[in-house]
C-alpha atoms as a PDB file:
ATOM      1  CA  GLN A   1     -13.321   3.426  13.716  1.00  0.00           C
ATOM      2  CA  VAL A   2     -11.609   1.777  11.059  1.00  0.00           C
ATOM      3  CA  GLN A   3      -8.684  -0.827  11.456  1.00  0.00           C
ATOM      4  CA  LEU A   4      -5.725  -1.997   9.079  1.00  0.00           C
ATOM      5  CA  VAL A   5      -3.687  -4.856   9.560  1.00  0.00           C
ATOM      6  CA  GLU A   6      -0.791  -5.157   7.081  1.00  0.00           C
ATOM      7  CA  SER A   7       1.385  -8.462   6.632  1.00  0.00           C
ATOM      8  CA  GLY A   8       3.903  -9.854   4.259  1.00  0.00           C
ATOM      9  CA  GLY A   9       6.785  -7.980   4.537  1.00  0.00           C
ATOM     10  CA  GLY A  10      10.029  -9.367   5.163  1.00  0.00           C
ATOM     11  CA  LEU A  11      13.545  -9.585   3.783  1.00  0.00           C
ATOM     12  CA  VAL A  12      14.068 -10.298  -0.149  1.00  0.00           C
ATOM     13  CA  GLN A  13      17.353 -10.211  -2.268  1.00  0.00           C
ATOM     14  CA  ALA A  14      17.389  -7.548  -4.924  1.00  0.00           C
ATOM     15  CA  GLY A  15      15.271  -8.797  -7.953  1.00  0.00           C
ATOM     16  CA  GLY A  16      13.179 -10.677  -5.684  1.00  0.00           C
ATOM     17  CA  SER A  17       9.593 -10.666  -5.012  1.00  0.00           C
ATOM     18  CA  LEU A  18       7.054  -9.875  -2.157  1.00  0.00           C
ATOM     19  CA  ARG A  19       3.384  -9.348  -1.598  1.00  0.00           C
ATOM     20  CA  LEU A  20       1.733  -7.211   1.130  1.00  0.00           C
ATOM     21  CA  SER A  21      -1.728  -8.020   2.682  1.00  0.00           C
ATOM     22  CA  CYS A  22      -3.849  -5.008   4.356  1.00  0.00           C
ATOM     23  CA  ALA A  23      -6.830  -6.285   5.476  1.00  0.00           C
ATOM     24  CA  ALA A  24      -9.599  -3.325   6.595  1.00  0.00           C
ATOM     25  CA  SER A  25     -12.454  -3.828   9.243  1.00  0.00           C
ATOM     26  CA  GLY A  26     -14.926  -1.306  10.825  1.00  0.00           C
ATOM     27  CA  ARG A  27     -16.600   1.402   9.137  1.00  0.00           C
ATOM     28  CA  THR A  28     -15.268   1.391   5.932  1.00  0.00           C
ATOM     29  CA  SER A  29     -18.071   3.260   4.277  1.00  0.00           C
ATOM     30  CA  SER A  30     -19.784   2.456   1.075  1.00  0.00           C
ATOM     31  CA  SER A  31     -17.151   4.226  -1.472  1.00  0.00           C
ATOM     32  CA  TYR A  32     -13.609   4.632  -0.244  1.00  0.00           C
ATOM     33  CA  CYS A  33     -10.263   4.165  -1.743  1.00  0.00           C
ATOM     34  CA  MET A  34      -6.934   2.634  -0.455  1.00  0.00           C
ATOM     35  CA  GLY A  35      -3.464   3.342  -0.390  1.00  0.00           C
ATOM     36  CA  TRP A  36       0.252   1.996   0.165  1.00  0.00           C
ATOM     37  CA  PHE A  37       2.882   4.452   1.072  1.00  0.00           C
ATOM     38  CA  ARG A  38       6.329   3.965   2.611  1.00  0.00           C
ATOM     39  CA  GLN A  39       9.142   5.612   4.476  1.00  0.00           C
ATOM     40  CA  ALA A  40      12.443   4.954   4.276  1.00  0.00           C
ATOM     41  CA  PRO A  41      14.919   5.936   7.104  1.00  0.00           C
ATOM     42  CA  GLY A  42      15.585   9.970   6.894  1.00  0.00           C
ATOM     43  CA  LYS A  43      13.162  10.351   4.354  1.00  0.00           C
ATOM     44  CA  GLU A  44       9.364  11.498   4.124  1.00  0.00           C
ATOM     45  CA  ARG A  45       6.387   9.249   3.859  1.00  0.00           C
ATOM     46  CA  GLU A  46       5.925   8.931  -0.473  1.00  0.00           C
ATOM     47  CA  PHE A  47       3.199   7.554  -2.064  1.00  0.00           C
ATOM     48  CA  VAL A  48       3.676   4.114  -3.647  1.00  0.00           C
ATOM     49  CA  ALA A  49       0.034   2.587  -5.196  1.00  0.00           C
ATOM     50  CA  GLY A  50      -3.877   3.263  -4.378  1.00  0.00           C
ATOM     51  CA  ILE A  51      -6.891   1.935  -5.761  1.00  0.00           C
ATOM     52  CA  SER A  52     -10.453   2.488  -5.722  1.00  0.00           C
ATOM     53  CA  ARG A  53     -12.888   0.250  -3.788  1.00  0.00           C
ATOM     54  CA  SER A  54     -14.103  -1.357  -7.538  1.00  0.00           C
ATOM     55  CA  GLY A  55     -10.755  -1.832  -8.493  1.00  0.00           C
ATOM     56  CA  ASP A  56     -11.471   0.272 -11.553  1.00  0.00           C
ATOM     57  CA  TYR A  57      -8.689   3.021 -10.736  1.00  0.00           C
ATOM     58  CA  THR A  58      -5.163   2.533  -9.727  1.00  0.00           C
ATOM     59  CA  SER A  59      -2.213   4.989  -9.206  1.00  0.00           C
ATOM     60  CA  TYR A  60       1.294   4.305  -9.058  1.00  0.00           C
ATOM     61  CA  ALA A  61       4.341   6.363  -8.273  1.00  0.00           C
ATOM     62  CA  ASP A  62       6.462   6.616 -10.770  1.00  0.00           C
ATOM     63  CA  SER A  63       9.511   4.618  -9.089  1.00  0.00           C
ATOM     64  CA  VAL A  64       7.487   1.358  -9.280  1.00  0.00           C
ATOM     65  CA  LYS A  65       5.626   1.415 -12.432  1.00  0.00           C
ATOM     66  CA  GLY A  66       5.699  -1.585 -14.174  1.00  0.00           C
ATOM     67  CA  ARG A  67       7.438  -3.714 -10.905  1.00  0.00           C
ATOM     68  CA  PHE A  68       4.332  -3.148  -8.377  1.00  0.00           C
ATOM     69  CA  THR A  69       0.717  -4.168  -8.785  1.00  0.00           C
ATOM     70  CA  MET A  70      -1.874  -2.956  -6.178  1.00  0.00           C
ATOM     71  CA  SER A  71      -5.108  -5.046  -6.011  1.00  0.00           C
ATOM     72  CA  ILE A  72      -8.568  -5.330  -4.014  1.00  0.00           C
ATOM     73  CA  ASP A  73     -10.726  -8.202  -2.442  1.00  0.00           C
ATOM     74  CA  ASN A  74     -13.687  -6.651  -1.340  1.00  0.00           C
ATOM     75  CA  ALA A  75     -15.165  -9.986   0.231  1.00  0.00           C
ATOM     76  CA  LYS A  76     -12.562  -9.977   2.006  1.00  0.00           C
ATOM     77  CA  ASN A  77     -12.308  -6.053   2.418  1.00  0.00           C
ATOM     78  CA  THR A  78      -8.469  -6.762   1.860  1.00  0.00           C
ATOM     79  CA  VAL A  79      -6.057  -5.132  -0.601  1.00  0.00           C
ATOM     80  CA  PHE A  80      -2.511  -6.492  -1.967  1.00  0.00           C
ATOM     81  CA  LEU A  81       0.500  -4.886  -3.155  1.00  0.00           C
ATOM     82  CA  GLN A  82       2.527  -7.181  -5.271  1.00  0.00           C
ATOM     83  CA  MET A  83       5.804  -6.218  -5.226  1.00  0.00           C
ATOM     84  CA  ASN A  84       8.509  -7.543  -8.097  1.00  0.00           C
ATOM     85  CA  SER A  85      12.099  -6.925  -9.419  1.00  0.00           C
ATOM     86  CA  LEU A  86      12.545  -5.321  -5.740  1.00  0.00           C
ATOM     87  CA  LYS A  87      15.476  -2.669  -5.482  1.00  0.00           C
ATOM     88  CA  PRO A  88      17.520  -1.973  -2.577  1.00  0.00           C
ATOM     89  CA  GLU A  89      15.986   1.345  -2.921  1.00  0.00           C
ATOM     90  CA  ASP A  90      12.743  -0.126  -1.923  1.00  0.00           C
ATOM     91  CA  THR A  91      13.600  -0.922   1.419  1.00  0.00           C
ATOM     92  CA  ALA A  92      11.296   0.846   4.159  1.00  0.00           C
ATOM     93  CA  VAL A  93       8.436   0.436   6.368  1.00  0.00           C
ATOM     94  CA  TYR A  94       5.131   0.259   3.969  1.00  0.00           C
ATOM     95  CA  TYR A  95       1.932   1.604   5.345  1.00  0.00           C
ATOM     96  CA  CYS A  96      -1.546   0.712   4.270  1.00  0.00           C
ATOM     97  CA  ALA A  97      -4.218   3.485   4.488  1.00  0.00           C
ATOM     98  CA  ILE A  98      -7.521   4.374   3.790  1.00  0.00           C
ATOM     99  CA  ASP A  99      -9.621   7.348   2.495  1.00  0.00           C
ATOM    100  CA  ARG A 100     -13.448   7.075   3.328  1.00  0.00           C
ATOM    101  CA  ALA A 101     -14.131  10.425   1.318  1.00  0.00           C
ATOM    102  CA  ARG A 102     -12.947   9.634  -2.185  1.00  0.00           C
ATOM    103  CA  VAL A 103     -13.455   7.170  -4.748  1.00  0.00           C
ATOM    104  CA  ARG A 104     -10.012   7.803  -6.735  1.00  0.00           C
ATOM    105  CA  PRO A 105      -6.844   7.256  -4.482  1.00  0.00           C
ATOM    106  CA  GLN A 106      -4.676  10.294  -3.959  1.00  0.00           C
ATOM    107  CA  VAL A 107      -1.122  10.697  -3.660  1.00  0.00           C
ATOM    108  CA  ASP A 108      -1.447  13.393  -0.625  1.00  0.00           C
ATOM    109  CA  ASP A 109      -1.306  11.320   2.554  1.00  0.00           C
ATOM    110  CA  ASP A 110      -3.046  14.016   4.755  1.00  0.00           C
ATOM    111  CA  LEU A 111      -6.335  12.577   2.643  1.00  0.00           C
ATOM    112  CA  TYR A 112      -6.403   9.099   4.571  1.00  0.00           C
ATOM    113  CA  ASP A 113      -7.930   9.074   7.617  1.00  0.00           C
ATOM    114  CA  TYR A 114      -6.751   5.872   8.677  1.00  0.00           C
ATOM    115  CA  TRP A 115      -3.269   4.064   8.750  1.00  0.00           C
ATOM    116  CA  GLY A 116      -2.141   0.673   9.369  1.00  0.00           C
ATOM    117  CA  GLN A 117       1.185  -0.271  11.787  1.00  0.00           C
ATOM    118  CA  GLY A 118       3.277  -0.691   9.167  1.00  0.00           C
ATOM    119  CA  THR A 119       5.499  -3.806   7.604  1.00  0.00           C
ATOM    120  CA  GLN A 120       9.301  -3.629   6.993  1.00  0.00           C
ATOM    121  CA  VAL A 121      10.541  -4.544   3.498  1.00  0.00           C
ATOM    122  CA  THR A 122      14.083  -5.045   3.482  1.00  0.00           C
ATOM    123  CA  VAL A 123      15.785  -5.247   0.239  1.00  0.00           C
ATOM    124  CA  SER A 124      19.437  -6.475  -0.043  1.00  0.00           C
ATOM    125  CA  SER A 125      21.964  -5.807  -2.879  1.00  0.00           C
END
């Protein structure tokens, strides 16, 4: 079992910044990758960013490249998503997830086996 707890969501004006955190506990495995996904009302869940356990590999959706940065603190089993230059279209519930079978993060959410509860991010125009 793995537990993922997200924090850091909130309300921010367009152009502002937020930093999301996701702390993992339990049986994470010796090699894993983690991802951030988001789901806006009426839309399907989509991949936002992913990172390998080592931090050597990162992947971003085109819509957030250059604005979002994902990082990992292995000592704390915590990943972060720094979101800058936020836009109203970034409004969504953000979820972190762990894939204990792969080193490199993938965009397919079916490959992730544990998920956090989600944190709301709202960007006002």
